[in-house]
């Protein structure tokens, strides 16, 4: 009788040990599957597919902090391109300036209004002058916020009788704002200031 009880007790311990092992294994497997599923979902969410000319191209999403230097430089480049690209057409001038002013604060608007009061844009139209800008280089300090930048560029001013090349150096700060269709990078230029804007050479046409 005692032998049977001992056998039953041993069998019960074995069943209990087996059950504990099964439970631990199941929990571990479930945790592993959950972790892998989370990792897979995270990886899938980081993928973006862009349709270009009927072809799906894969892109990858990233945290904004990884792209701040690139986006900051492009934002400053876009602003200067819109602000300084002018043709003898009132609609073109207004369209470009409007786009530029979405990217900057009142410091840029004050410069625009000053140029307008001095009949700069009227002279562009009446003199059949075209102006374009090429950004040579740019320095952006992303270690301190708001982000300080300095932009080095050249302006090409084409008149009916001559072409003038000017050196342009500006500086300012970038503040984070909400992204929009008018401001895709989500930055706003503040305290924009022109350090240098001088003639380098003039060539006859």
Protein backbone atom coordinates (compact mmCIF):
# COMPACT_ATOMS: atom_id res chain seq x y z
CA UNK A 1 0.00 0.00 0.00
CA UNK A 2 2.83 2.38 0.89
CA UNK A 3 4.60 1.43 -2.35
CA UNK A 4 1.49 2.36 -4.35
CA UNK A 5 1.26 5.70 -2.53
CA UNK A 6 4.92 6.35 -3.24
CA UNK A 7 4.43 5.52 -6.90
CA UNK A 8 1.40 7.83 -7.05
CA UNK A 9 3.37 10.63 -5.37
CA UNK A 10 6.29 10.16 -7.78
CA UNK A 11 3.93 10.12 -10.76
CA UNK A 12 2.24 13.29 -9.50
CA UNK A 13 5.60 15.05 -9.14
CA UNK A 14 6.58 13.99 -12.64
CA UNK A 15 3.27 15.21 -14.07
CA UNK A 16 3.62 18.48 -12.15
CA UNK A 17 7.21 18.96 -13.40
CA UNK A 18 6.14 18.14 -16.94
CA UNK A 19 3.25 20.59 -16.67
CA UNK A 20 5.52 23.36 -15.34
CA UNK A 21 7.98 22.74 -18.18
CA UNK A 22 5.13 22.87 -20.74
CA UNK A 23 3.76 26.12 -19.24
CA UNK A 24 7.18 27.79 -19.13
CA UNK A 25 7.92 26.68 -22.70
CA UNK A 26 4.55 27.96 -23.91
CA UNK A 27 5.00 31.34 -22.20
CA UNK A 28 8.54 31.66 -23.56
CA UNK A 29 7.38 30.74 -27.07
CA UNK A 30 4.49 33.21 -26.86
CA UNK A 31 6.84 35.97 -25.69
CA UNK A 32 9.29 35.17 -28.51
CA UNK A 33 6.51 35.21 -31.12
CA UNK A 34 5.17 38.52 -29.74
CA UNK A 35 8.63 40.09 -29.84
CA UNK A 36 9.26 38.92 -33.40
CA UNK A 37 5.82 40.13 -34.48
CA UNK A 38 6.53 43.57 -32.96
CA UNK A 39 9.89 43.75 -34.72
CA UNK A 40 8.32 42.73 -38.02
CA UNK A 41 5.52 45.27 -37.65
CA UNK A 42 8.05 47.98 -36.83
CA UNK A 43 10.11 47.09 -39.88
CA UNK A 44 7.09 47.08 -42.16
CA UNK A 45 5.95 50.48 -40.84
CA UNK A 46 9.35 51.97 -41.64
CA UNK A 47 8.93 51.11 -45.30
CA UNK A 48 7.37 53.56 -47.70
CA UNK A 49 6.60 52.80 -51.32
CA UNK A 50 6.61 55.64 -53.82
CA UNK A 51 4.98 55.23 -57.22
CA UNK A 52 7.17 56.78 -59.91
CA UNK A 53 6.44 56.32 -63.61
CA UNK A 54 4.39 53.23 -62.89
CA UNK A 55 7.10 51.63 -60.76
CA UNK A 56 6.95 51.11 -57.01
CA UNK A 57 10.12 52.34 -55.35
CA UNK A 58 10.89 51.55 -51.73
CA UNK A 59 11.88 54.30 -49.33
CA UNK A 60 12.49 54.22 -45.62
CA UNK A 61 11.02 56.42 -42.90
CA UNK A 62 13.37 57.74 -40.25
CA UNK A 63 13.24 59.85 -37.13
CA UNK A 64 13.36 63.55 -37.89
CA UNK A 65 16.47 64.00 -35.78
CA UNK A 66 18.36 61.82 -38.26
CA UNK A 67 17.41 64.15 -41.13
CA UNK A 68 17.60 67.58 -39.49
CA UNK A 69 20.86 68.69 -41.22
CA UNK A 70 19.61 67.59 -44.66
CA UNK A 71 16.13 69.07 -44.23
CA UNK A 72 17.50 72.29 -42.74
CA UNK A 73 19.86 72.85 -45.66
CA UNK A 74 17.12 72.12 -48.18
CA UNK A 75 14.72 74.47 -46.40
CA UNK A 76 17.24 77.32 -46.52
CA UNK A 77 18.04 76.52 -50.16
CA UNK A 78 14.35 76.54 -51.10
CA UNK A 79 13.80 79.89 -49.38
CA UNK A 80 16.71 81.57 -51.14
CA UNK A 81 15.73 80.07 -54.49
CA UNK A 82 12.18 81.40 -54.22
CA UNK A 83 13.20 84.79 -52.80
CA UNK A 84 15.95 85.56 -55.31
CA UNK A 85 14.67 83.89 -58.48
CA UNK A 86 13.02 86.74 -60.35
CA UNK A 87 11.88 87.31 -63.92
CA UNK A 88 10.33 90.37 -65.59
CA UNK A 89 6.83 89.12 -64.85
CA UNK A 90 4.75 90.41 -61.96
CA UNK A 91 2.93 87.08 -61.51
CA UNK A 92 6.18 85.10 -61.35
CA UNK A 93 7.65 87.52 -58.81
CA UNK A 94 4.56 87.43 -56.59
CA UNK A 95 4.31 83.62 -56.80
CA UNK A 96 7.96 83.10 -55.84
CA UNK A 97 7.93 85.68 -53.04
CA UNK A 98 4.72 84.19 -51.62
CA UNK A 99 6.34 80.75 -51.50
CA UNK A 100 9.43 82.22 -49.85
CA UNK A 101 7.49 84.08 -47.18
CA UNK A 102 5.81 80.85 -46.05
CA UNK A 103 9.30 79.65 -45.09
CA UNK A 104 10.42 82.65 -43.04
CA UNK A 105 9.21 85.12 -40.44
CA UNK A 106 8.77 88.91 -40.61
CA UNK A 107 12.51 89.46 -41.05
CA UNK A 108 12.15 88.27 -44.66
CA UNK A 109 8.90 90.16 -45.15
CA UNK A 110 10.57 93.39 -44.06
CA UNK A 111 13.31 92.90 -46.67
CA UNK A 112 10.67 92.25 -49.33
CA UNK A 113 8.67 95.34 -48.37
CA UNK A 114 11.82 97.47 -48.36
CA UNK A 115 12.76 96.27 -51.85
CA UNK A 116 9.21 96.87 -53.02
CA UNK A 117 9.15 100.42 -51.63
CA UNK A 118 12.44 101.12 -53.39
CA UNK A 119 10.86 99.96 -56.69
CA UNK A 120 13.30 97.06 -57.01
CA UNK A 121 10.70 94.72 -58.48
CA UNK A 122 9.33 97.46 -60.74
CA UNK A 123 12.85 97.88 -62.09
CA UNK A 124 13.11 94.13 -62.71
CA UNK A 125 9.94 94.23 -64.81
CA UNK A 126 10.54 97.48 -66.68
CA UNK A 127 14.19 96.67 -67.36
CA UNK A 128 13.52 93.10 -68.57
CA UNK A 129 15.90 91.78 -65.94
CA UNK A 130 16.16 88.15 -64.85
CA UNK A 131 17.76 87.09 -61.60
CA UNK A 132 18.72 83.61 -60.45
CA UNK A 133 20.66 82.25 -57.52
CA UNK A 134 23.05 79.35 -57.00
CA UNK A 135 23.71 78.20 -53.43
CA UNK A 136 27.40 77.29 -53.20
CA UNK A 137 27.54 76.03 -49.62
CA UNK A 138 25.79 76.19 -46.31
CA UNK A 139 26.67 75.74 -42.65
CA UNK A 140 23.98 74.66 -40.18
CA UNK A 141 24.62 74.20 -36.46
CA UNK A 142 22.17 71.56 -35.23
CA UNK A 143 23.79 71.29 -31.80
CA UNK A 144 22.01 74.38 -30.47
CA UNK A 145 18.33 75.26 -30.91
CA UNK A 146 17.14 77.29 -32.72
CA UNK A 147 19.55 76.14 -35.42
CA UNK A 148 21.91 78.82 -36.72
CA UNK A 149 22.74 78.79 -40.44
CA UNK A 150 24.97 80.70 -42.81
CA UNK A 151 24.34 80.51 -46.55
CA UNK A 152 26.91 81.27 -49.26
CA UNK A 153 25.50 81.87 -52.74
CA UNK A 154 25.96 83.68 -56.03
CA UNK A 155 23.38 85.75 -57.86
CA UNK A 156 23.32 86.03 -61.63
CA UNK A 157 21.54 89.16 -62.84
CA UNK A 158 20.88 89.19 -66.56
CA UNK A 159 20.10 92.53 -68.19
CA UNK A 160 19.59 93.22 -71.90
CA UNK A 161 23.14 94.57 -72.16
CA UNK A 162 25.08 92.81 -69.38
CA UNK A 163 25.33 89.92 -66.93
CA UNK A 164 26.35 90.71 -63.36
CA UNK A 165 27.50 88.10 -60.84
CA UNK A 166 27.08 89.00 -57.18
CA UNK A 167 28.26 87.36 -53.97
CA UNK A 168 25.52 86.76 -51.41
CA UNK A 169 26.04 85.67 -47.79
CA UNK A 170 23.11 85.47 -45.41
CA UNK A 171 22.51 84.13 -41.92
CA UNK A 172 19.61 83.31 -39.66
CA UNK A 173 18.02 80.74 -37.37
CA UNK A 174 15.67 77.83 -37.96
CA UNK A 175 12.74 77.13 -35.64
CA UNK A 176 10.56 74.01 -35.74
CA UNK A 177 6.96 74.50 -36.92
CA UNK A 178 4.24 72.20 -38.24
CA UNK A 179 4.74 70.71 -41.67
CA UNK A 180 2.35 71.72 -44.42
CA UNK A 181 2.07 71.83 -48.20
CA UNK A 182 3.52 75.34 -48.08
CA UNK A 183 6.26 74.36 -45.62
CA UNK A 184 7.15 70.69 -46.20
CA UNK A 185 10.27 70.68 -44.00
CA UNK A 186 8.56 72.15 -40.94
CA UNK A 187 11.09 74.92 -40.31
CA UNK A 188 10.71 78.69 -40.08
CA UNK A 189 13.62 81.03 -40.80
CA UNK A 190 14.02 83.69 -38.13
CA UNK A 191 16.24 86.79 -37.81
CA UNK A 192 17.24 86.52 -41.46
CA UNK A 193 20.05 88.92 -42.25
CA UNK A 194 22.20 89.67 -45.29
CA UNK A 195 25.88 89.80 -44.38
CA UNK A 196 27.22 90.46 -47.86
CA UNK A 197 25.73 91.27 -51.26
CA UNK A 198 28.31 92.72 -53.60
CA UNK A 199 29.23 92.65 -57.28
CA UNK A 200 31.95 90.24 -58.31
CA UNK A 201 32.02 90.88 -62.05
CA UNK A 202 30.01 92.33 -64.91
CA UNK A 203 30.20 91.04 -68.47
CA UNK A 204 28.77 92.61 -71.59
CA UNK A 205 26.33 90.73 -73.81
